Amino acid sequence: MLGSWMRRLTGAAALLVVVGLGTARAQNVSPYQGQAELLYDAMTSDSMDMTVVGVGGVYAFKSVDPGDGPLDESLFLARVPNAGAMLGFVTGEADMGGPVDLSGTEFGITAGYADENVPVGVDLMYTIGAIEMDMGGGVGGTVDMSGLDVKAGYFVMPGLIVGLSYELETSKVKIDGMGTVSDSDTTGIGLVGKWVQKLSGGTAVNAEISITSATTEEVGSPDETDSIVLLSGDYYLNQLIGVGLGLTFTSGDDKSAEGTALEIRARCNLNTKFGVGVSYETFTAKSSNQGEDSSTLTISVVGRF
């Protein structure tokens, strides 16, 4: 199963690169001010299959000029204030001692502050969501979620930022006839960094790192603290095409979350206005007795105006 998906992704990534190389010489990258995205995300594990179809958009308060840098990094490099919103529709099925149908929605807003004359950047994202559970026999439940993610950094030089992150996630699970069966908050504090460097011949690289300590407090259970280390990089063959790799290492008290995630991805913009991307991520649990392996396929279509 895994080998089949990997072959499909490798073929899709190669196709994106070939198409992009064929069009890059003929296209001129031009300024834009807005971006819209359609997203399809499918996750599968031993106990759950979940699909998310989402739409989102970002509006920049000034025109974004990609210059001679990668188009996918242009908002970061231009340091333009922006705001956005997203909406996702969730469907799936889980095994909780019996089949459980899942359906729900998630909504989020984003905001970013940056200015080419100010060496400070701030990003904020807030999300809320609710998933309905149908357990059959007239029994159901809900999962209510919210998330806050704030990053603030200092531009050491153009294209290089280092800073701090703060994350807060809440989750409450209610079952008909039983009330609240789980109520938890997870708080994360970390270090983040991002560096985009232009190279010769129109190529460029992007490197990102984050190191986070996350503590989960759940009613009726001891606190659990985990360490999460993310290493990520992209190589841009030109302004329109990029291929990337990401590694995430999780360890700590929550043994079900311990493991390693590997992501490979490819993005191709046919021109400034239209682009597509594909990524595939696998999570390998450290302990097969306490955690579950999973895989996630993501396909995105981006339009700029």
Protein backbone atom coordinates (compact mmCIF):
# COMPACT_ATOMS: atom_id res chain seq x y z
CA MET A 1 0.00 0.00 0.00
CA LEU A 2 2.72 2.47 1.01
CA GLY A 3 4.87 1.58 -1.96
CA SER A 4 1.93 2.15 -4.32
CA TRP A 5 1.24 5.62 -2.90
CA MET A 6 4.92 6.53 -3.01
CA ARG A 7 5.15 5.54 -6.68
CA ARG A 8 2.07 7.63 -7.47
CA LEU A 9 3.47 10.66 -5.63
CA THR A 10 6.88 10.31 -7.27
CA GLY A 11 5.19 10.18 -10.67
CA ALA A 12 3.00 13.20 -9.88
CA ALA A 13 5.98 15.18 -8.58
CA ALA A 14 8.03 14.33 -11.67
CA LEU A 15 5.13 15.39 -13.91
CA LEU A 16 4.83 18.73 -12.10
CA VAL A 17 8.55 19.37 -12.53
CA VAL A 18 8.54 18.46 -16.24
CA VAL A 19 5.50 20.61 -16.97
CA GLY A 20 6.95 23.48 -14.97
CA LEU A 21 10.33 23.32 -16.71
CA GLY A 22 8.54 23.41 -20.04
CA THR A 23 6.58 26.55 -19.17
CA ALA A 24 9.01 28.48 -16.94
CA ARG A 25 11.06 29.93 -19.77
CA ALA A 26 7.96 31.32 -21.48
CA GLN A 27 6.30 32.90 -18.43
CA ASN A 28 6.97 36.17 -16.66
CA VAL A 29 6.34 36.32 -12.91
CA SER A 30 4.28 39.41 -12.16
CA PRO A 31 3.06 41.17 -8.99
CA TYR A 32 -0.16 40.04 -7.28
CA GLN A 33 -2.20 41.02 -4.23
CA GLY A 34 -4.49 38.09 -3.42
CA GLN A 35 -4.24 34.32 -3.28
CA ALA A 36 -6.97 31.65 -3.16
CA GLU A 37 -6.44 27.94 -2.54
CA LEU A 38 -8.48 24.74 -2.89
CA LEU A 39 -7.23 21.86 -0.74
CA TYR A 40 -7.87 18.11 -0.63
CA ASP A 41 -6.39 16.19 2.30
CA ALA A 42 -6.81 12.45 2.93
CA MET A 43 -5.44 10.77 6.08
CA THR A 44 -5.55 7.06 6.84
CA SER A 45 -4.41 4.97 9.82
CA ASP A 46 -5.29 1.62 11.37
CA SER A 47 -8.25 3.08 13.26
CA MET A 48 -9.32 6.09 11.20
CA ASP A 49 -9.86 7.38 7.67
CA MET A 50 -10.47 11.13 7.37
CA THR A 51 -10.85 13.49 4.42
CA VAL A 52 -10.80 17.29 4.47
CA VAL A 53 -11.86 19.48 1.55
CA GLY A 54 -11.04 23.11 2.18
CA VAL A 55 -10.94 26.56 0.65
CA GLY A 56 -8.91 29.51 1.82
CA GLY A 57 -7.51 32.84 0.80
CA VAL A 58 -4.99 35.51 1.72
CA TYR A 59 -5.16 39.23 0.87
CA ALA A 60 -2.03 41.35 0.97
CA PHE A 61 -2.48 45.02 1.86
CA LYS A 62 0.23 45.96 -0.62
CA SER A 63 1.13 44.54 -4.00
CA VAL A 64 3.48 41.56 -3.71
CA ASP A 65 6.34 41.71 -6.20
CA PRO A 66 8.12 38.34 -6.47
CA GLY A 67 11.13 40.00 -8.11
CA ASP A 68 13.61 37.27 -9.05
CA GLY A 69 12.83 35.03 -6.06
CA PRO A 70 10.64 31.91 -5.76
CA LEU A 71 6.96 32.68 -6.31
CA ASP A 72 5.89 30.44 -3.41
CA GLU A 73 8.11 32.42 -1.01
CA SER A 74 7.22 35.86 -2.39
CA LEU A 75 4.85 36.92 0.43
CA PHE A 76 7.55 36.12 3.00
CA LEU A 77 10.35 37.80 1.04
CA ALA A 78 8.30 40.92 0.21
CA ARG A 79 7.40 41.40 3.91
CA VAL A 80 3.86 42.65 3.22
CA PRO A 81 1.07 42.77 5.86
CA ASN A 82 -1.77 40.36 5.07
CA ALA A 83 -4.95 38.71 6.34
CA GLY A 84 -6.80 35.56 5.37
CA ALA A 85 -9.50 33.01 6.14
CA MET A 86 -10.10 29.29 5.58
CA LEU A 87 -12.99 26.84 5.74
CA GLY A 88 -12.73 23.04 5.80
CA PHE A 89 -15.30 20.24 5.57
CA VAL A 90 -14.42 16.99 7.35
CA THR A 91 -15.75 13.48 6.67
CA GLY A 92 -14.45 10.13 7.84
CA GLU A 93 -14.84 6.91 9.76
CA ALA A 94 -13.18 5.75 12.97
CA ASP A 95 -13.00 2.47 14.85
CA MET A 96 -13.89 3.02 18.52
CA GLY A 97 -14.78 -0.56 19.36
CA GLY A 98 -17.28 -0.25 16.51
CA PRO A 99 -17.63 1.91 13.39
CA VAL A 100 -18.17 5.64 13.99
CA ASP A 101 -19.05 8.04 11.18
CA LEU A 102 -17.44 11.49 11.38
CA SER A 103 -18.52 14.78 9.83
CA GLY A 104 -17.81 18.39 10.68
CA THR A 105 -16.36 21.78 9.77
CA GLU A 106 -13.37 23.90 10.70
CA PHE A 107 -12.99 27.66 10.26
CA GLY A 108 -9.89 29.77 10.65
CA ILE A 109 -8.53 33.29 10.28
CA THR A 110 -4.95 34.40 9.75
CA ALA A 111 -3.09 37.68 10.00
CA GLY A 112 0.50 38.64 9.30
CA TYR A 113 2.49 41.78 9.94
CA ALA A 114 5.76 42.55 8.23
CA ASP A 115 7.37 45.63 6.72
CA GLU A 116 10.54 45.87 4.67
CA ASN A 117 11.62 48.82 6.83
CA VAL A 118 10.90 47.12 10.17
CA PRO A 119 12.98 44.09 11.28
CA VAL A 120 10.08 42.40 13.11
CA GLY A 121 7.45 39.99 11.76
CA VAL A 122 4.35 38.51 13.43
CA ASP A 123 2.00 35.74 12.22
CA LEU A 124 -1.27 34.72 13.89
CA MET A 125 -3.76 31.94 13.18
CA TYR A 126 -6.95 31.09 15.07
CA THR A 127 -9.16 28.10 14.28
CA ILE A 128 -12.37 26.61 15.64
CA GLY A 129 -14.03 23.36 14.64
CA ALA A 130 -16.63 20.78 15.56
CA ILE A 131 -16.91 17.14 14.50
CA GLU A 132 -20.11 15.13 14.91
CA MET A 133 -19.82 11.42 15.74
CA ASP A 134 -22.52 8.93 14.73
CA MET A 135 -22.03 5.66 16.61
CA GLY A 136 -25.22 4.03 15.38
CA GLY A 137 -28.25 3.02 17.36
CA GLY A 138 -29.18 6.64 17.92
CA VAL A 139 -25.99 7.30 19.91
CA GLY A 140 -23.71 10.17 18.94
CA GLY A 141 -21.30 12.74 20.23
CA THR A 142 -19.28 15.83 19.38
CA VAL A 143 -15.66 16.91 19.40
CA ASP A 144 -15.22 20.67 19.86
CA MET A 145 -11.79 22.07 19.04
CA SER A 146 -10.00 25.40 18.93
CA GLY A 147 -6.44 26.48 18.20
CA LEU A 148 -4.31 29.60 18.52
CA ASP A 149 -0.88 29.85 16.89
CA VAL A 150 1.29 32.97 17.26
CA LYS A 151 4.80 33.46 15.88
CA ALA A 152 6.98 36.56 16.33
CA GLY A 153 10.44 36.92 14.89
CA TYR A 154 13.36 39.21 14.10
CA PHE A 155 14.75 39.57 10.58
CA VAL A 156 18.49 39.09 11.01
CA MET A 157 18.84 39.98 7.34
CA PRO A 158 16.56 39.89 4.29
CA GLY A 159 15.22 36.36 3.91
CA LEU A 160 16.30 35.17 7.37
CA ILE A 161 14.04 35.33 10.45
CA VAL A 162 14.39 33.76 13.91
CA GLY A 163 11.81 33.95 16.67
CA LEU A 164 9.45 32.39 19.17
CA SER A 165 6.15 30.53 18.82
CA TYR A 166 3.17 30.02 21.12
CA GLU A 167 0.42 27.46 20.51
CA LEU A 168 -2.76 26.67 22.42
CA GLU A 169 -5.09 23.84 21.41
CA THR A 170 -8.28 22.83 23.21
CA SER A 171 -10.39 19.70 22.72
CA LYS A 172 -13.61 18.58 24.41
CA VAL A 173 -15.36 15.28 23.64
CA LYS A 174 -19.01 14.74 24.60
CA ILE A 175 -21.02 11.51 24.25
CA ASP A 176 -24.83 11.40 24.34
CA GLY A 177 -26.02 10.20 27.72
CA MET A 178 -22.51 10.39 29.21
CA GLY A 179 -21.64 14.08 29.02
CA THR A 180 -18.01 15.21 28.71
CA VAL A 181 -15.66 12.23 28.53
CA SER A 182 -12.48 14.16 27.62
CA ASP A 183 -11.43 17.77 28.19
CA SER A 184 -7.85 18.78 27.38
CA ASP A 185 -5.65 21.81 26.69
CA THR A 186 -2.26 21.66 24.99
CA THR A 187 0.17 24.56 25.30
CA GLY A 188 3.33 24.75 23.21
CA ILE A 189 6.27 27.18 23.35
CA GLY A 190 9.09 26.99 20.86
CA LEU A 191 11.89 28.43 18.77
CA VAL A 192 11.38 28.95 15.03
CA GLY A 193 13.56 29.95 12.11
CA LYS A 194 13.22 30.38 8.35
CA TRP A 195 15.80 31.21 5.70
CA VAL A 196 15.23 31.74 1.98
CA GLN A 197 18.41 32.19 -0.04
CA LYS A 198 18.60 32.95 -3.76
CA LEU A 199 21.28 31.07 -5.67
CA SER A 200 22.82 31.38 -9.11
CA GLY A 201 20.89 30.57 -12.26
CA GLY A 202 17.50 31.57 -10.80
CA THR A 203 17.49 28.77 -8.23
CA ALA A 204 16.88 29.16 -4.49
CA VAL A 205 16.61 27.20 -1.24
CA ASN A 206 14.29 27.45 1.75
CA ALA A 207 15.21 26.02 5.16
CA GLU A 208 12.94 25.96 8.22
CA ILE A 209 13.30 24.69 11.77
CA SER A 210 11.09 24.64 14.84
CA ILE A 211 11.72 23.18 18.29
CA THR A 212 8.64 23.01 20.52
CA SER A 213 7.88 21.84 24.04
CA ALA A 214 4.15 21.02 24.34
CA THR A 215 2.32 20.20 27.57
CA THR A 216 -1.14 18.61 27.60
CA GLU A 217 -3.40 19.04 30.60
CA GLU A 218 -6.41 16.72 30.64
CA VAL A 219 -9.07 16.59 33.32
CA GLY A 220 -8.56 13.48 35.45
CA SER A 221 -5.15 12.60 33.97
CA PRO A 222 -1.52 13.53 34.72
CA ASP A 223 0.06 16.27 32.62
CA GLU A 224 2.11 15.08 29.63
CA THR A 225 4.99 16.98 28.00
CA ASP A 226 6.35 16.23 24.54
CA SER A 227 9.20 17.61 22.46
CA ILE A 228 8.59 18.23 18.75
CA VAL A 229 11.44 19.01 16.34
CA LEU A 230 10.64 19.96 12.73
CA LEU A 231 13.27 20.22 9.99
CA SER A 232 12.10 21.25 6.54
CA GLY A 233 13.67 22.33 3.27
CA ASP A 234 12.79 23.19 -0.32
CA TYR A 235 14.88 23.51 -3.45
CA TYR A 236 13.51 25.81 -6.16
CA LEU A 237 14.63 24.89 -9.65
CA ASN A 238 13.44 28.30 -10.81
CA GLN A 239 10.86 30.87 -9.72
CA LEU A 240 7.95 28.53 -10.46
CA ILE A 241 8.98 25.04 -9.34
CA GLY A 242 9.98 23.66 -5.95
CA VAL A 243 10.56 20.24 -4.41
CA GLY A 244 10.85 19.71 -0.69
CA LEU A 245 11.35 17.39 2.25
CA GLY A 246 10.23 17.60 5.87
CA LEU A 247 11.11 15.58 8.98
CA THR A 248 9.30 15.78 12.34
CA PHE A 249 10.51 14.00 15.48
CA THR A 250 8.13 13.66 18.45
CA SER A 251 9.12 12.25 21.83
CA GLY A 252 7.98 12.53 25.44
CA ASP A 253 5.30 11.39 27.86
CA ASP A 254 2.55 10.70 25.32
CA LYS A 255 3.74 7.36 23.98
CA SER A 256 0.93 7.24 21.40
CA ALA A 257 2.37 10.37 19.74
CA GLU A 258 6.04 9.33 19.74
CA GLY A 259 7.46 8.72 16.32
CA THR A 260 8.83 10.22 13.12
CA ALA A 261 6.98 11.90 10.27
CA LEU A 262 8.46 12.17 6.77
CA GLU A 263 6.99 14.45 4.11
CA ILE A 264 7.95 14.84 0.46
CA ARG A 265 6.34 17.51 -1.69
CA ALA A 266 6.43 19.23 -5.06
CA ARG A 267 4.94 22.53 -6.22
CA CYS A 268 4.61 23.85 -9.73
CA ASN A 269 3.26 27.24 -10.82
CA LEU A 270 2.38 27.34 -14.49
CA ASN A 271 2.45 31.13 -14.21
CA THR A 272 1.82 33.79 -11.56
CA LYS A 273 -1.92 33.14 -11.57
CA PHE A 274 -2.12 29.36 -11.34
CA GLY A 275 -0.23 26.66 -9.45
CA VAL A 276 -0.65 23.12 -8.12
CA GLY A 277 1.04 21.16 -5.36
CA VAL A 278 1.15 17.62 -4.03
CA SER A 279 2.61 16.19 -0.82
CA TYR A 280 2.70 12.83 0.92
CA GLU A 281 3.49 12.37 4.60
CA THR A 282 3.98 9.18 6.58
CA PHE A 283 4.08 8.91 10.37
CA THR A 284 5.88 5.92 11.86
CA ALA A 285 5.03 5.32 15.51
CA LYS A 286 7.90 4.47 17.86
CA SER A 287 5.78 1.77 19.52
CA SER A 288 3.29 -0.27 17.50
CA ASN A 289 1.59 -1.24 20.78
CA GLN A 290 0.89 2.35 21.87
CA GLY A 291 0.87 4.36 18.63
CA GLU A 292 -0.40 4.03 15.08
CA ASP A 293 1.28 4.52 11.74
CA SER A 294 -0.54 6.89 9.39
CA SER A 295 -0.24 8.46 5.96
CA THR A 296 -1.59 11.70 4.51
CA LEU A 297 -1.95 12.75 0.88
CA THR A 298 -2.51 16.45 0.15
CA ILE A 299 -3.32 18.08 -3.18
CA SER A 300 -3.70 21.84 -3.57
CA VAL A 301 -4.63 24.25 -6.36
CA VAL A 302 -3.62 27.91 -5.98
CA GLY A 303 -4.81 30.99 -7.85
CA ARG A 304 -3.34 34.48 -7.53
CA PHE A 305 -4.76 37.77 -8.64
